[in-house]
N, C-alpha and C. Protein backbone atom coordinates (compact mmCIF):
# COMPACT_ATOMS: atom_id res chain seq x y z
N MET A 1 -22.22 36.25 -8.06
CA MET A 1 -21.03 37.19 -8.11
C MET A 1 -20.54 37.19 -9.79
N LYS A 2 -20.43 38.43 -10.49
CA LYS A 2 -19.87 38.33 -11.70
C LYS A 2 -18.47 38.73 -11.66
N LEU A 3 -17.63 37.94 -12.35
CA LEU A 3 -16.22 38.20 -12.38
C LEU A 3 -15.85 39.02 -13.65
N LEU A 4 -14.97 40.07 -13.40
CA LEU A 4 -14.42 40.75 -14.33
C LEU A 4 -13.51 40.18 -15.34
N PRO A 5 -13.23 40.53 -16.51
CA PRO A 5 -12.34 39.78 -17.34
C PRO A 5 -11.01 39.50 -16.69
N LEU A 6 -10.33 40.52 -15.97
CA LEU A 6 -9.16 40.39 -15.32
C LEU A 6 -9.18 39.39 -14.23
N GLN A 7 -10.25 39.46 -13.47
CA GLN A 7 -10.29 38.32 -12.48
C GLN A 7 -10.49 36.99 -12.99
N LEU A 8 -11.29 36.92 -14.04
CA LEU A 8 -11.59 35.64 -14.74
C LEU A 8 -10.15 35.14 -15.40
N ALA A 9 -9.23 36.02 -15.77
CA ALA A 9 -8.02 35.62 -16.43
C ALA A 9 -7.18 35.07 -15.16
N VAL A 10 -7.17 35.75 -14.11
CA VAL A 10 -6.41 35.41 -12.95
C VAL A 10 -6.82 33.96 -12.42
N VAL A 11 -8.13 33.79 -12.43
CA VAL A 11 -8.72 32.43 -11.90
C VAL A 11 -8.21 31.38 -12.94
N PHE A 12 -8.44 31.68 -14.16
CA PHE A 12 -8.02 30.68 -15.19
C PHE A 12 -6.43 30.34 -15.24
N SER A 13 -5.65 31.35 -14.99
CA SER A 13 -4.34 31.16 -14.93
C SER A 13 -3.92 30.16 -13.68
N ALA A 14 -4.48 30.45 -12.63
CA ALA A 14 -4.34 29.77 -11.37
C ALA A 14 -4.74 28.28 -11.67
N LEU A 15 -6.03 28.06 -12.26
CA LEU A 15 -6.37 26.59 -12.51
C LEU A 15 -5.44 25.87 -13.48
N CYS A 16 -4.92 26.69 -14.53
CA CYS A 16 -4.02 26.03 -15.32
C CYS A 16 -2.72 25.61 -14.69
N SER A 17 -2.17 26.52 -13.73
CA SER A 17 -1.02 26.25 -13.04
C SER A 17 -1.29 25.08 -12.14
N VAL A 18 -2.37 24.86 -11.47
CA VAL A 18 -2.62 23.81 -10.74
C VAL A 18 -2.65 22.59 -11.41
N ALA A 19 -3.37 22.59 -12.75
CA ALA A 19 -3.44 21.58 -13.56
C ALA A 19 -2.06 20.98 -14.11
N LEU A 20 -1.14 22.09 -14.48
CA LEU A 20 0.13 21.57 -14.88
C LEU A 20 1.02 20.99 -13.71
N HIS A 21 0.87 21.58 -12.50
CA HIS A 21 1.56 21.05 -11.46
C HIS A 21 1.08 19.66 -11.07
N ALA A 22 -0.12 19.34 -11.16
CA ALA A 22 -0.67 17.90 -10.99
C ALA A 22 -0.08 17.04 -12.10
N ALA A 23 -0.03 17.50 -13.27
CA ALA A 23 0.40 16.65 -14.31
C ALA A 23 1.99 16.30 -13.92
N ASP A 24 2.75 17.34 -13.63
CA ASP A 24 4.13 17.09 -13.34
C ASP A 24 4.30 16.08 -12.18
N SER A 25 3.42 16.28 -11.13
CA SER A 25 3.43 15.35 -10.03
C SER A 25 3.12 13.96 -10.32
N VAL A 26 2.30 13.61 -11.31
CA VAL A 26 1.93 12.39 -11.68
C VAL A 26 3.12 11.80 -12.51
N GLU A 27 3.84 12.60 -13.36
CA GLU A 27 4.92 12.09 -14.01
C GLU A 27 5.96 11.92 -12.97
N ASP A 28 6.16 12.89 -12.03
CA ASP A 28 7.15 12.58 -10.86
C ASP A 28 6.98 11.25 -10.15
N SER A 29 5.60 11.04 -9.88
CA SER A 29 5.30 9.93 -9.05
C SER A 29 5.69 8.59 -9.91
N LYS A 30 5.62 8.63 -11.15
CA LYS A 30 5.91 7.52 -12.02
C LYS A 30 7.51 7.12 -11.75
N GLN A 31 8.17 8.31 -11.91
CA GLN A 31 9.61 8.05 -11.67
C GLN A 31 10.01 7.61 -10.28
N TRP A 32 9.38 8.31 -9.31
CA TRP A 32 9.57 7.87 -7.87
C TRP A 32 9.40 6.37 -7.69
N PHE A 33 8.17 6.08 -8.33
CA PHE A 33 7.76 4.58 -8.18
C PHE A 33 8.92 3.65 -8.79
N ARG A 34 9.38 3.99 -9.99
CA ARG A 34 10.42 3.18 -10.66
C ARG A 34 11.69 3.28 -9.77
N ASP A 35 11.99 4.32 -9.06
CA ASP A 35 13.15 4.53 -8.27
C ASP A 35 13.02 3.54 -6.95
N ALA A 36 11.81 3.57 -6.53
CA ALA A 36 11.61 2.91 -5.43
C ALA A 36 11.74 1.20 -5.62
N ALA A 37 11.09 0.82 -6.73
CA ALA A 37 11.11 -0.45 -7.27
C ALA A 37 12.76 -0.87 -7.35
N ALA A 38 13.50 -0.08 -7.94
CA ALA A 38 14.90 -0.37 -8.11
C ALA A 38 15.63 -0.59 -6.60
N LYS A 39 15.11 0.44 -5.78
CA LYS A 39 15.68 0.30 -4.34
C LYS A 39 15.29 -1.03 -3.75
N MET A 40 14.06 -1.37 -3.85
CA MET A 40 13.53 -2.56 -3.29
C MET A 40 14.21 -3.73 -3.99
N GLU A 41 14.55 -3.79 -5.24
CA GLU A 41 15.24 -4.90 -5.73
C GLU A 41 16.57 -5.15 -5.36
N ALA A 42 17.12 -3.89 -4.94
CA ALA A 42 18.50 -3.94 -4.28
C ALA A 42 18.46 -4.11 -2.83
N LYS A 43 17.39 -4.48 -2.38
CA LYS A 43 17.13 -4.70 -0.81
C LYS A 43 17.40 -3.47 0.04
N GLN A 44 17.17 -2.18 -0.76
CA GLN A 44 17.45 -0.93 0.05
C GLN A 44 15.99 -0.49 0.34
N PHE A 45 15.31 -1.31 1.32
CA PHE A 45 13.96 -0.83 1.61
C PHE A 45 13.83 0.43 2.23
N ALA A 46 14.69 0.92 3.15
CA ALA A 46 14.69 2.03 3.86
C ALA A 46 14.69 3.34 3.04
N GLU A 47 15.34 3.14 1.99
CA GLU A 47 15.46 4.27 0.85
C GLU A 47 14.21 4.25 0.00
N ALA A 48 13.58 3.02 -0.07
CA ALA A 48 12.33 3.04 -0.93
C ALA A 48 11.22 3.62 -0.25
N VAL A 49 11.17 3.54 1.13
CA VAL A 49 9.95 4.08 1.94
C VAL A 49 9.69 5.55 1.61
N PRO A 50 10.52 6.52 1.49
CA PRO A 50 10.15 7.85 1.38
C PRO A 50 9.56 8.15 0.03
N LEU A 51 10.30 7.33 -0.96
CA LEU A 51 9.78 7.53 -2.44
C LEU A 51 8.44 6.99 -2.51
N LEU A 52 8.12 5.79 -2.06
CA LEU A 52 6.70 5.40 -2.12
C LEU A 52 5.71 6.16 -1.19
N GLU A 53 6.14 6.77 -0.09
CA GLU A 53 5.17 7.76 0.68
C GLU A 53 4.80 8.89 -0.21
N LYS A 54 5.97 9.39 -1.02
CA LYS A 54 5.55 10.52 -1.91
C LYS A 54 4.75 10.08 -3.03
N VAL A 55 4.75 9.02 -3.53
CA VAL A 55 3.92 8.66 -4.62
C VAL A 55 2.39 8.39 -4.08
N ARG A 56 2.33 7.96 -2.77
CA ARG A 56 1.02 7.72 -2.23
C ARG A 56 0.30 9.08 -2.11
N VAL A 57 0.97 10.10 -1.89
CA VAL A 57 0.43 11.56 -1.71
C VAL A 57 -0.18 11.89 -3.10
N VAL A 58 0.44 11.58 -4.12
CA VAL A 58 0.07 11.99 -5.64
C VAL A 58 -0.93 11.07 -5.96
N VAL A 59 -0.83 9.90 -5.68
CA VAL A 59 -1.69 8.75 -6.28
C VAL A 59 -2.24 7.91 -5.15
N PRO A 60 -3.30 8.61 -4.33
CA PRO A 60 -3.82 7.87 -3.25
C PRO A 60 -4.78 6.71 -3.55
N ASN A 61 -4.77 5.68 -2.70
CA ASN A 61 -5.74 4.55 -3.00
C ASN A 61 -5.29 3.68 -4.16
N ASP A 62 -4.02 3.54 -4.42
CA ASP A 62 -3.51 2.67 -5.41
C ASP A 62 -2.89 1.34 -4.83
N GLY A 63 -3.49 0.26 -5.30
CA GLY A 63 -3.16 -1.12 -4.77
C GLY A 63 -1.68 -1.33 -4.79
N SER A 64 -1.14 -1.07 -5.96
CA SER A 64 0.36 -1.35 -6.17
C SER A 64 1.19 -0.40 -5.39
N VAL A 65 0.83 0.65 -4.98
CA VAL A 65 1.61 1.71 -4.12
C VAL A 65 1.42 1.08 -2.67
N GLU A 66 0.27 0.79 -2.32
CA GLU A 66 0.02 0.33 -0.86
C GLU A 66 0.79 -1.10 -0.66
N TRP A 67 0.70 -2.02 -1.79
CA TRP A 67 1.39 -3.20 -1.56
C TRP A 67 2.98 -3.03 -1.43
N ASN A 68 3.59 -2.29 -2.28
CA ASN A 68 4.97 -2.11 -2.29
C ASN A 68 5.37 -1.36 -1.10
N LEU A 69 4.58 -0.42 -0.55
CA LEU A 69 5.04 0.34 0.66
C LEU A 69 4.84 -0.61 1.86
N GLY A 70 3.76 -1.41 1.77
CA GLY A 70 3.63 -2.34 2.97
C GLY A 70 4.86 -3.39 3.03
N LEU A 71 5.34 -3.75 1.82
CA LEU A 71 6.49 -4.58 1.76
C LEU A 71 7.69 -3.85 2.40
N ALA A 72 7.82 -2.60 1.88
CA ALA A 72 8.98 -1.89 2.31
C ALA A 72 9.00 -1.69 3.91
N TYR A 73 7.79 -1.29 4.48
CA TYR A 73 7.55 -1.18 5.72
C TYR A 73 7.93 -2.42 6.73
N THR A 74 7.45 -3.53 6.05
CA THR A 74 7.68 -4.80 6.70
C THR A 74 9.19 -5.11 6.87
N GLU A 75 9.76 -4.93 5.70
CA GLU A 75 11.29 -5.09 5.64
C GLU A 75 12.08 -4.08 6.60
N THR A 76 11.53 -2.89 6.99
CA THR A 76 12.21 -2.12 7.75
C THR A 76 11.67 -2.18 9.28
N ALA A 77 11.05 -3.12 9.44
CA ALA A 77 10.33 -3.50 11.01
C ALA A 77 9.28 -2.44 11.33
N ARG A 78 8.63 -1.72 10.31
CA ARG A 78 7.63 -0.76 10.77
C ARG A 78 6.33 -1.31 10.38
N HIS A 79 5.98 -2.60 11.40
CA HIS A 79 4.96 -3.32 11.19
C HIS A 79 3.70 -2.71 11.45
N GLU A 80 3.58 -1.66 12.14
CA GLU A 80 2.22 -0.90 12.43
C GLU A 80 1.78 -0.19 11.15
N GLU A 81 2.83 0.50 10.36
CA GLU A 81 2.58 1.09 9.18
C GLU A 81 2.16 0.15 8.11
N ALA A 82 2.96 -1.07 8.15
CA ALA A 82 2.63 -2.06 7.12
C ALA A 82 1.30 -2.56 7.27
N LEU A 83 0.85 -2.84 8.58
CA LEU A 83 -0.62 -3.28 8.81
C LEU A 83 -1.45 -2.33 8.17
N ALA A 84 -1.33 -1.01 8.31
CA ALA A 84 -2.19 0.03 7.58
C ALA A 84 -2.20 -0.29 6.15
N CYS A 85 -1.22 -0.51 5.56
CA CYS A 85 -1.13 -0.66 4.05
C CYS A 85 -1.89 -1.93 3.75
N TRP A 86 -1.81 -2.96 4.38
CA TRP A 86 -2.45 -4.31 4.12
C TRP A 86 -3.97 -4.02 4.30
N GLU A 87 -4.34 -3.22 5.38
CA GLU A 87 -5.79 -3.03 5.51
C GLU A 87 -6.31 -2.14 4.58
N THR A 88 -5.50 -1.20 4.06
CA THR A 88 -6.03 -0.24 3.01
C THR A 88 -6.26 -1.21 1.81
N MET A 89 -5.23 -2.03 1.48
CA MET A 89 -5.39 -3.03 0.49
C MET A 89 -6.74 -3.82 0.42
N GLN A 90 -7.10 -4.32 1.58
CA GLN A 90 -8.27 -5.04 1.85
C GLN A 90 -9.59 -4.31 1.43
N LYS A 91 -9.46 -2.85 1.68
CA LYS A 91 -10.61 -2.12 1.35
C LYS A 91 -10.54 -1.82 -0.11
N LEU A 92 -9.57 -1.60 -0.75
CA LEU A 92 -9.34 -1.36 -2.21
C LEU A 92 -9.70 -2.58 -3.03
N GLU A 93 -9.41 -3.80 -2.45
CA GLU A 93 -9.51 -4.92 -3.20
C GLU A 93 -10.08 -6.00 -2.24
N PRO A 94 -11.45 -5.83 -2.03
CA PRO A 94 -12.04 -6.91 -1.11
C PRO A 94 -11.90 -8.25 -1.81
N GLY A 95 -11.64 -9.29 -0.74
CA GLY A 95 -11.56 -10.71 -1.23
C GLY A 95 -10.08 -10.83 -1.79
N ASN A 96 -9.26 -9.86 -1.70
CA ASN A 96 -7.75 -10.28 -1.98
C ASN A 96 -7.12 -10.99 -0.88
N TRP A 97 -7.03 -12.34 -0.94
CA TRP A 97 -6.51 -12.89 0.14
C TRP A 97 -4.97 -12.91 0.37
N GLN A 98 -4.14 -12.25 -0.61
CA GLN A 98 -2.79 -12.01 -0.35
C GLN A 98 -2.75 -10.76 0.64
N ALA A 99 -3.60 -9.90 0.44
CA ALA A 99 -3.56 -8.80 1.38
C ALA A 99 -4.07 -9.32 2.85
N THR A 100 -4.89 -10.10 2.91
CA THR A 100 -5.39 -10.60 4.16
C THR A 100 -4.10 -11.55 4.74
N ALA A 101 -3.47 -12.27 3.91
CA ALA A 101 -2.25 -13.10 4.52
C ALA A 101 -1.30 -12.11 4.96
N LYS A 102 -1.11 -10.79 4.32
CA LYS A 102 -0.18 -9.84 4.81
C LYS A 102 -0.68 -9.31 6.04
N VAL A 103 -1.87 -9.17 6.30
CA VAL A 103 -2.43 -8.77 7.64
C VAL A 103 -2.23 -9.64 8.74
N VAL A 104 -2.16 -11.04 8.37
CA VAL A 104 -1.80 -12.09 9.32
C VAL A 104 -0.56 -11.91 9.66
N GLN A 105 0.52 -11.64 8.78
CA GLN A 105 1.92 -11.49 8.85
C GLN A 105 2.17 -10.29 9.87
N ALA A 106 1.56 -9.26 9.60
CA ALA A 106 1.83 -7.99 10.43
C ALA A 106 1.25 -8.07 11.83
N LEU A 107 0.20 -8.78 11.95
CA LEU A 107 -0.43 -8.92 13.40
C LEU A 107 0.57 -9.88 14.09
N GLN A 108 1.06 -10.78 13.43
CA GLN A 108 1.97 -11.75 14.14
C GLN A 108 3.13 -11.04 14.57
N ALA A 109 3.76 -10.23 13.71
CA ALA A 109 5.01 -9.34 14.05
C ALA A 109 4.72 -8.43 15.23
N LEU A 110 3.37 -7.99 15.31
CA LEU A 110 3.03 -7.18 16.45
C LEU A 110 2.62 -7.78 17.62
N GLY A 111 2.60 -9.05 17.69
CA GLY A 111 2.17 -9.87 18.76
C GLY A 111 0.74 -9.83 18.95
N ARG A 112 -0.11 -9.49 18.07
CA ARG A 112 -1.57 -9.44 18.29
C ARG A 112 -2.19 -10.72 17.82
N ASN A 113 -1.93 -11.80 18.74
CA ASN A 113 -2.42 -13.14 18.28
C ASN A 113 -3.88 -13.36 18.07
N GLU A 114 -4.64 -12.71 18.86
CA GLU A 114 -6.14 -12.95 18.80
C GLU A 114 -6.72 -12.36 17.33
N ALA A 115 -6.10 -11.13 17.16
CA ALA A 115 -6.52 -10.53 15.66
C ALA A 115 -5.93 -11.33 14.64
N ARG A 116 -4.77 -11.93 14.87
CA ARG A 116 -4.02 -12.65 13.80
C ARG A 116 -4.86 -13.93 13.59
N ASP A 117 -5.30 -14.49 14.62
CA ASP A 117 -6.21 -15.83 14.47
C ASP A 117 -7.44 -15.53 13.69
N ARG A 118 -8.11 -14.32 13.99
CA ARG A 118 -9.28 -13.87 13.20
C ARG A 118 -8.99 -13.71 11.74
N ALA A 119 -7.78 -13.09 11.42
CA ALA A 119 -7.42 -12.93 10.11
C ALA A 119 -7.19 -14.19 9.36
N ILE A 120 -6.59 -15.21 10.10
CA ILE A 120 -6.37 -16.35 9.56
C ILE A 120 -7.65 -17.14 9.09
N GLU A 121 -8.66 -16.99 10.02
CA GLU A 121 -9.94 -17.55 9.57
C GLU A 121 -10.56 -16.72 8.39
N GLN A 122 -10.30 -15.51 8.27
CA GLN A 122 -10.57 -14.81 7.18
C GLN A 122 -10.08 -15.36 5.79
N VAL A 123 -8.85 -15.81 5.94
CA VAL A 123 -8.12 -16.36 4.68
C VAL A 123 -8.91 -17.61 4.41
N ARG A 124 -9.07 -18.40 5.38
CA ARG A 124 -9.76 -19.78 5.25
C ARG A 124 -11.13 -19.51 4.62
N ALA A 125 -11.87 -18.42 5.16
CA ALA A 125 -13.19 -18.16 4.49
C ALA A 125 -13.00 -17.88 2.98
N GLU A 126 -12.07 -16.91 2.62
CA GLU A 126 -11.89 -16.54 1.39
C GLU A 126 -11.36 -17.81 0.55
N GLN A 127 -10.68 -18.70 1.11
CA GLN A 127 -10.38 -19.93 0.46
C GLN A 127 -11.50 -20.81 0.13
N LYS A 128 -12.41 -20.93 1.09
CA LYS A 128 -13.61 -21.68 0.90
C LYS A 128 -14.59 -21.04 -0.25
N ALA A 129 -14.60 -19.72 -0.15
CA ALA A 129 -15.42 -18.92 -1.21
C ALA A 129 -14.86 -19.23 -2.60
N GLY A 130 -13.69 -19.59 -2.80
CA GLY A 130 -13.21 -19.96 -4.12
C GLY A 130 -13.04 -18.90 -5.17
N SER A 131 -12.95 -17.64 -4.71
CA SER A 131 -12.93 -16.58 -5.70
C SER A 131 -11.68 -16.45 -6.42
N ASP A 132 -10.49 -17.00 -5.82
CA ASP A 132 -9.30 -17.02 -6.51
C ASP A 132 -8.88 -18.47 -6.62
N PRO A 133 -8.86 -19.07 -7.86
CA PRO A 133 -8.52 -20.42 -8.03
C PRO A 133 -7.22 -20.94 -7.32
N ARG A 134 -6.21 -19.97 -7.41
CA ARG A 134 -4.99 -20.29 -6.75
C ARG A 134 -5.11 -20.71 -5.28
N LEU A 135 -5.80 -19.80 -4.50
CA LEU A 135 -6.09 -20.01 -3.06
C LEU A 135 -7.06 -21.35 -2.94
N ALA A 136 -7.97 -21.32 -3.74
CA ALA A 136 -9.03 -22.51 -3.68
C ALA A 136 -8.42 -23.84 -3.82
N ARG A 137 -7.25 -24.02 -4.67
CA ARG A 137 -6.64 -25.19 -4.95
C ARG A 137 -5.52 -25.51 -3.80
N ALA A 138 -5.23 -24.40 -3.10
CA ALA A 138 -4.02 -24.63 -2.03
C ALA A 138 -4.69 -25.33 -0.86
N PRO A 139 -3.78 -26.40 -0.35
CA PRO A 139 -4.28 -27.01 0.78
C PRO A 139 -4.04 -26.27 2.04
N TRP A 140 -3.06 -25.07 1.94
CA TRP A 140 -2.82 -24.23 3.06
C TRP A 140 -2.19 -23.03 2.44
N PHE A 141 -2.10 -21.96 3.29
CA PHE A 141 -1.37 -20.80 2.92
C PHE A 141 -0.08 -20.66 3.76
N CYS A 142 0.90 -19.92 3.31
CA CYS A 142 2.08 -19.78 4.08
C CYS A 142 2.26 -18.23 4.34
N ARG A 143 2.43 -18.00 5.63
CA ARG A 143 2.86 -16.60 5.96
C ARG A 143 4.35 -16.63 5.89
N GLN A 144 4.80 -15.33 5.33
CA GLN A 144 6.33 -15.28 5.37
C GLN A 144 6.76 -14.99 6.66
N LYS A 145 8.10 -15.45 6.91
CA LYS A 145 8.68 -15.13 8.16
C LYS A 145 9.29 -13.78 8.04
N VAL A 146 9.20 -13.05 9.18
CA VAL A 146 9.71 -11.76 9.21
C VAL A 146 10.62 -11.73 10.51
N LYS A 147 11.58 -10.81 10.25
CA LYS A 147 12.47 -10.65 11.64
C LYS A 147 11.89 -9.67 12.45
N VAL A 148 11.70 -10.03 13.56
CA VAL A 148 10.97 -9.28 14.73
C VAL A 148 11.80 -9.05 15.78
N ASP A 149 11.90 -7.85 16.25
CA ASP A 149 12.86 -7.58 17.48
C ASP A 149 12.23 -8.62 18.63
N ASP A 150 13.16 -8.80 19.60
CA ASP A 150 12.83 -9.74 20.65
C ASP A 150 11.52 -9.11 21.26
N PHE A 151 10.67 -10.11 21.44
CA PHE A 151 9.47 -9.69 22.18
C PHE A 151 9.81 -9.47 23.70
N LYS A 152 9.16 -8.51 24.23
CA LYS A 152 9.44 -8.11 25.59
C LYS A 152 8.53 -8.62 26.42
């Protein structure tokens, strides 16, 4: 199919518009991330969540976005969503024992003890593999305590 000059100009204009919008979104996402970080520093985790979710749309598969969103979800007792963030982190950064430790934490909060125990074994295997000197030297790892609604 041959495009006429006018059609070509319209297509080019549309592509430029999309490119400019994407650039604005990336710049916006940087500000949203900074705003979310400030909210988290102020312990306003619920306010940080929508900002980080917007960043994730613009910048998908970014470890720092997943990490911070997982923290915010954890602090707002959205453990299922936090678990999804930590599992995404595991895929993005295989062997990241800190992400695996967060999986342990989320599974504990959700009361999924068998899966939690498997994740603990995974952390221990990562420790034995020695890929991270900090974990290799540690005699044990510590899960953070999270506030969990009364188990029913």
